[in-house]
Amino acid sequence: MTQTTEPELSGVRNFRDVGGLPTVDGRVVRTGVLYRSGHLAHATPQDAAFLASLGLHTVFDFRNAADIQLDGPDVALPGVRNVNIPLNDPADGREFWKLVRHGALDELRALLGEGQAAARMEATYRELVATKAADQSRVVHDLARDAVPALMHCAAGKDRAGLTVAVTLLAVGVEREAIEADYLESNAQHRRYRMHRGKDAPEGMSPEVVELLSPLFEARASYLAAAFGQMEQSWGSLEGYLTGGLELTAQTRERLRDRLLV
């Protein structure tokens, strides 16, 4: 796998170039054409200058209205096309996040304990695949036309962006193990979305609270596996998802491969 030098972005989490990932037929993802990150709302002037230097054509923002209200809109990058395609948040719901941020320990145990947090994440990945194929199709068709170089992000750059990047890589034939390895890179300490609670939250960030919340803030192989499993369940196979769910023709897939691979 090609190693790329990553910038030190102080206001943007989880940024990376997806270049260098191998395909099943011996090609690799081109560097400088597909990036992923967390939201760009808190980008510093230096961050924005670096992002502007990438020559981006399109920024895909998968945040919903509540995310944007919480963190703010993306920083403006001159000459860059911004496309907002709201996708489900794996921890969606105002009341849910209110409990996460401020709930007492017994409430968190009832909401997230005994595997419930991880199960919630897996269920939402399955739901994203089952209900958002048209949105994912829009992204990959856009990339195949002219939307590269592109940056994909959601709030943390872990789930909605992570799955959409995985779908894109699947469409061009990247090895399944390489797709998973890139997805799990979001767990690196310098990439992770900062876990926090309200200043007055009972138990604060005690070890048990951290353990209960961790599944919401981690990328886990089981989440991605749930998504792939839903593709197989709904469309018969991963190939069936690409051709039926994403409606990718052989010609479009070849254009996509030409855009993204060397």
Protein backbone atom coordinates (compact mmCIF):
# COMPACT_ATOMS: atom_id res chain seq x y z
CA MET A 1 0.00 0.00 0.00
CA THR A 2 1.33 3.42 -0.94
CA GLN A 3 2.04 5.59 2.07
CA THR A 4 1.14 9.25 1.74
CA THR A 5 2.34 12.12 3.89
CA GLU A 6 -0.53 13.50 5.92
CA PRO A 7 -0.78 17.15 6.88
CA GLU A 8 -1.30 18.29 10.43
CA LEU A 9 -4.79 19.76 10.23
CA SER A 10 -5.70 21.34 13.54
CA GLY A 11 -9.41 21.93 12.91
CA VAL A 12 -10.30 18.94 10.73
CA ARG A 13 -10.29 15.43 12.16
CA ASN A 14 -9.70 12.11 10.42
CA PHE A 15 -8.38 13.51 7.14
CA ARG A 16 -6.64 11.16 4.75
CA ASP A 17 -5.98 10.38 1.10
CA VAL A 18 -7.45 7.01 0.16
CA GLY A 19 -4.79 6.52 -2.50
CA GLY A 20 -2.65 3.41 -2.59
CA LEU A 21 -5.27 0.78 -1.76
CA PRO A 22 -4.89 -2.36 -3.94
CA THR A 23 -7.56 -3.84 -6.19
CA VAL A 24 -8.20 -7.51 -6.80
CA ASP A 25 -6.73 -7.24 -10.32
CA GLY A 26 -3.44 -5.64 -9.33
CA ARG A 27 -4.22 -1.95 -9.77
CA VAL A 28 -4.20 0.65 -6.97
CA VAL A 29 -6.28 3.67 -6.06
CA ARG A 30 -4.73 6.81 -7.47
CA THR A 31 -3.42 9.34 -4.94
CA GLY A 32 -4.85 12.83 -5.01
CA VAL A 33 -8.32 11.90 -6.28
CA LEU A 34 -10.29 10.68 -3.25
CA TYR A 35 -10.04 12.05 0.27
CA ARG A 36 -12.06 11.51 3.43
CA SER A 37 -12.37 13.41 6.70
CA GLY A 38 -14.58 14.67 9.47
CA HIS A 39 -16.52 17.91 8.97
CA LEU A 40 -14.80 21.07 7.74
CA ALA A 41 -16.75 23.51 9.90
CA HIS A 42 -13.85 24.17 12.27
CA ALA A 43 -11.09 24.32 9.68
CA THR A 44 -8.49 26.97 10.50
CA PRO A 45 -7.27 29.38 7.81
CA GLN A 46 -4.21 27.16 7.45
CA ASP A 47 -6.41 24.06 7.10
CA ALA A 48 -8.54 25.81 4.49
CA ALA A 49 -5.45 26.86 2.55
CA PHE A 50 -4.21 23.26 2.49
CA LEU A 51 -7.63 21.92 1.40
CA ALA A 52 -7.82 24.58 -1.31
CA SER A 53 -4.40 23.45 -2.58
CA LEU A 54 -5.72 19.95 -3.31
CA GLY A 55 -7.59 21.11 -6.40
CA LEU A 56 -10.85 19.60 -5.21
CA HIS A 57 -13.75 19.48 -7.61
CA THR A 58 -16.42 18.36 -5.13
CA VAL A 59 -16.91 18.08 -1.38
CA PHE A 60 -19.60 15.56 -0.43
CA ASP A 61 -21.09 16.40 2.98
CA PHE A 62 -23.21 13.58 4.41
CA ARG A 63 -24.28 15.45 7.55
CA ASN A 64 -27.93 16.09 8.30
CA ALA A 65 -29.46 19.40 9.36
CA ALA A 66 -28.97 18.66 13.07
CA ASP A 67 -25.25 17.97 12.51
CA ILE A 68 -24.81 21.21 10.62
CA GLN A 69 -26.70 23.14 13.28
CA LEU A 70 -24.44 21.64 15.95
CA ASP A 71 -21.06 22.14 14.28
CA GLY A 72 -21.76 24.74 11.60
CA PRO A 73 -21.46 24.74 7.81
CA ASP A 74 -18.26 23.73 6.07
CA VAL A 75 -15.62 26.37 5.51
CA ALA A 76 -15.92 27.84 2.03
CA LEU A 77 -13.28 26.63 -0.42
CA PRO A 78 -12.98 28.76 -3.57
CA GLY A 79 -14.04 27.06 -6.77
CA VAL A 80 -15.15 23.87 -5.00
CA ARG A 81 -18.59 22.39 -5.57
CA ASN A 82 -20.33 21.45 -2.31
CA VAL A 83 -22.92 18.67 -2.34
CA ASN A 84 -24.94 17.92 0.79
CA ILE A 85 -26.49 14.44 0.81
CA PRO A 86 -27.92 13.90 4.32
CA LEU A 87 -27.52 10.32 5.51
CA ASN A 88 -28.74 8.71 8.72
CA ASP A 89 -26.60 9.29 11.79
CA PRO A 90 -25.88 5.92 13.47
CA ALA A 91 -26.66 7.63 16.77
CA ASP A 92 -29.52 9.72 15.39
CA GLY A 93 -32.01 11.45 17.57
CA ARG A 94 -31.94 14.57 19.69
CA GLU A 95 -33.15 12.74 22.81
CA PHE A 96 -30.58 10.01 22.33
CA TRP A 97 -27.70 12.50 22.21
CA LYS A 98 -29.15 14.39 25.14
CA LEU A 99 -28.84 11.22 27.20
CA VAL A 100 -25.35 10.52 25.86
CA ARG A 101 -24.17 14.02 26.78
CA HIS A 102 -25.99 14.46 30.08
CA GLY A 103 -27.59 11.18 31.19
CA ALA A 104 -26.95 9.50 34.51
CA LEU A 105 -25.04 6.23 34.63
CA ASP A 106 -28.16 4.10 35.11
CA GLU A 107 -29.73 5.73 32.04
CA LEU A 108 -26.63 5.03 29.98
CA ARG A 109 -26.57 1.42 31.14
CA ALA A 110 -30.22 0.98 30.10
CA LEU A 111 -29.63 2.67 26.72
CA LEU A 112 -26.22 1.33 25.74
CA GLY A 113 -25.30 -1.58 28.00
CA GLU A 114 -25.13 -5.29 27.22
CA GLY A 115 -24.17 -4.76 23.59
CA GLN A 116 -26.97 -2.34 22.77
CA ALA A 117 -24.66 0.43 21.55
CA ALA A 118 -22.85 -1.83 19.08
CA ALA A 119 -26.15 -3.38 17.98
CA ARG A 120 -27.50 0.12 17.32
CA MET A 121 -24.51 0.91 15.13
CA GLU A 122 -24.79 -2.34 13.18
CA ALA A 123 -28.53 -1.81 12.64
CA THR A 124 -27.96 1.67 11.27
CA TYR A 125 -25.26 0.48 8.87
CA ARG A 126 -27.74 -2.10 7.59
CA GLU A 127 -30.40 0.60 7.32
CA LEU A 128 -28.06 2.88 5.40
CA VAL A 129 -27.47 0.14 2.84
CA ALA A 130 -31.13 -0.88 2.64
CA THR A 131 -32.61 2.61 2.35
CA LYS A 132 -29.92 4.88 0.89
CA ALA A 133 -28.84 3.01 -2.24
CA ALA A 134 -30.13 5.86 -4.42
CA ASP A 135 -27.94 8.35 -2.52
CA GLN A 136 -24.89 6.10 -2.75
CA SER A 137 -25.64 5.63 -6.45
CA ARG A 138 -25.71 9.39 -6.92
CA VAL A 139 -22.25 9.69 -5.39
CA VAL A 140 -20.54 7.00 -7.46
CA HIS A 141 -22.19 8.17 -10.67
CA ASP A 142 -21.06 11.71 -9.89
CA LEU A 143 -17.50 10.50 -9.36
CA ALA A 144 -17.60 8.59 -12.64
CA ARG A 145 -18.68 11.74 -14.51
CA ASP A 146 -16.34 14.48 -13.33
CA ALA A 147 -16.50 15.02 -9.55
CA VAL A 148 -12.85 14.24 -8.81
CA PRO A 149 -10.75 15.10 -6.96
CA ALA A 150 -13.37 14.64 -4.25
CA LEU A 151 -13.51 14.81 -0.48
CA MET A 152 -16.18 12.85 1.41
CA HIS A 153 -17.07 13.68 4.99
CA CYS A 154 -19.80 13.48 7.61
CA ALA A 155 -19.42 14.66 11.21
CA ALA A 156 -16.60 12.39 12.41
CA GLY A 157 -15.69 10.94 9.01
CA LYS A 158 -16.20 7.48 10.44
CA ASP A 159 -19.64 6.07 9.65
CA ARG A 160 -21.55 7.77 6.86
CA ALA A 161 -18.42 8.88 5.03
CA GLY A 162 -16.73 5.61 5.96
CA LEU A 163 -19.48 3.53 4.41
CA THR A 164 -19.70 5.70 1.28
CA VAL A 165 -15.95 5.45 0.77
CA ALA A 166 -16.22 1.67 1.25
CA VAL A 167 -19.00 1.48 -1.34
CA THR A 168 -16.92 3.51 -3.80
CA LEU A 169 -13.89 1.28 -3.25
CA LEU A 170 -16.03 -1.83 -3.65
CA ALA A 171 -17.29 -0.51 -6.99
CA VAL A 172 -13.77 -0.22 -8.41
CA GLY A 173 -12.66 -3.63 -7.16
CA VAL A 174 -10.53 -2.76 -4.13
CA GLU A 175 -9.73 -5.82 -2.04
CA ARG A 176 -12.21 -6.40 0.78
CA GLU A 177 -9.40 -6.56 3.35
CA ALA A 178 -8.00 -3.23 2.15
CA ILE A 179 -11.43 -1.60 2.37
CA GLU A 180 -11.75 -2.79 5.96
CA ALA A 181 -8.22 -1.68 6.84
CA ASP A 182 -8.89 1.84 5.54
CA TYR A 183 -12.19 1.96 7.41
CA LEU A 184 -10.52 0.95 10.68
CA GLU A 185 -7.90 3.70 10.30
CA SER A 186 -10.52 6.01 11.85
CA ASN A 187 -9.63 4.42 15.19
CA ALA A 188 -6.12 5.87 15.18
CA GLN A 189 -5.74 8.12 18.20
CA HIS A 190 -4.99 11.25 16.17
CA ARG A 191 -8.05 10.67 13.98
CA ARG A 192 -10.71 9.79 16.55
CA TYR A 193 -13.73 11.98 17.13
CA ARG A 194 -13.37 13.41 20.62
CA MET A 195 -15.72 11.74 23.05
CA HIS A 196 -17.18 14.24 25.48
CA ARG A 197 -20.07 14.84 27.86
CA GLY A 198 -21.63 17.90 29.42
CA LYS A 199 -19.66 19.53 32.22
CA ASP A 200 -22.47 18.74 34.68
CA ALA A 201 -23.02 15.14 33.49
CA PRO A 202 -23.21 12.60 36.34
CA GLU A 203 -20.13 10.37 36.48
CA GLY A 204 -18.53 12.58 33.83
CA MET A 205 -16.18 10.43 31.74
CA SER A 206 -15.66 7.68 34.29
CA PRO A 207 -14.21 4.38 33.00
CA GLU A 208 -17.67 2.78 32.91
CA VAL A 209 -19.14 5.73 31.01
CA VAL A 210 -16.28 5.57 28.50
CA GLU A 211 -16.86 1.83 28.05
CA LEU A 212 -20.58 2.37 27.46
CA LEU A 213 -20.02 5.17 24.94
CA SER A 214 -17.06 3.65 23.09
CA PRO A 215 -19.06 1.67 20.50
CA LEU A 216 -20.60 4.94 19.27
CA PHE A 217 -17.20 6.52 18.68
CA GLU A 218 -15.31 3.55 17.22
CA ALA A 219 -15.06 2.05 13.78
CA ARG A 220 -15.57 -1.70 14.18
CA ALA A 221 -15.20 -4.43 11.58
CA SER A 222 -18.59 -5.78 12.64
CA TYR A 223 -20.26 -2.52 11.53
CA LEU A 224 -18.84 -2.75 8.03
CA ALA A 225 -19.61 -6.47 7.93
CA ALA A 226 -23.25 -5.67 8.79
CA ALA A 227 -23.37 -3.32 5.79
CA PHE A 228 -21.92 -5.91 3.43
CA GLY A 229 -24.29 -8.50 4.88
CA GLN A 230 -27.25 -6.25 4.11
CA MET A 231 -26.05 -5.84 0.53
CA GLU A 232 -26.07 -9.61 0.17
CA GLN A 233 -29.43 -9.97 1.89
CA SER A 234 -31.17 -7.29 -0.16
CA TRP A 235 -29.53 -7.84 -3.55
CA GLY A 236 -28.27 -11.42 -3.38
CA SER A 237 -24.56 -10.57 -3.50
CA LEU A 238 -22.15 -7.66 -3.39
CA GLU A 239 -22.14 -7.67 -7.17
CA GLY A 240 -25.93 -7.59 -7.14
CA TYR A 241 -25.79 -4.51 -4.92
CA LEU A 242 -23.45 -2.75 -7.35
CA THR A 243 -25.53 -3.52 -10.43
CA GLY A 244 -29.00 -3.49 -8.87
CA GLY A 245 -28.74 -1.21 -5.86
CA LEU A 246 -26.32 1.33 -7.32
CA GLU A 247 -27.46 0.73 -10.92
CA LEU A 248 -23.87 0.72 -12.14
CA THR A 249 -23.44 -0.38 -15.73
CA ALA A 250 -20.21 -1.92 -16.97
CA GLN A 251 -19.46 1.31 -18.83
CA THR A 252 -19.97 3.49 -15.74
CA ARG A 253 -17.83 1.22 -13.61
CA GLU A 254 -15.05 1.39 -16.19
CA ARG A 255 -15.22 5.20 -16.19
CA LEU A 256 -15.11 5.14 -12.40
CA ARG A 257 -12.08 2.88 -12.47
CA ASP A 258 -10.38 5.18 -14.99
CA ARG A 259 -10.99 8.13 -12.65
CA LEU A 260 -9.82 6.46 -9.46
CA LEU A 261 -7.24 3.82 -10.36
CA VAL A 262 -3.76 3.54 -11.80
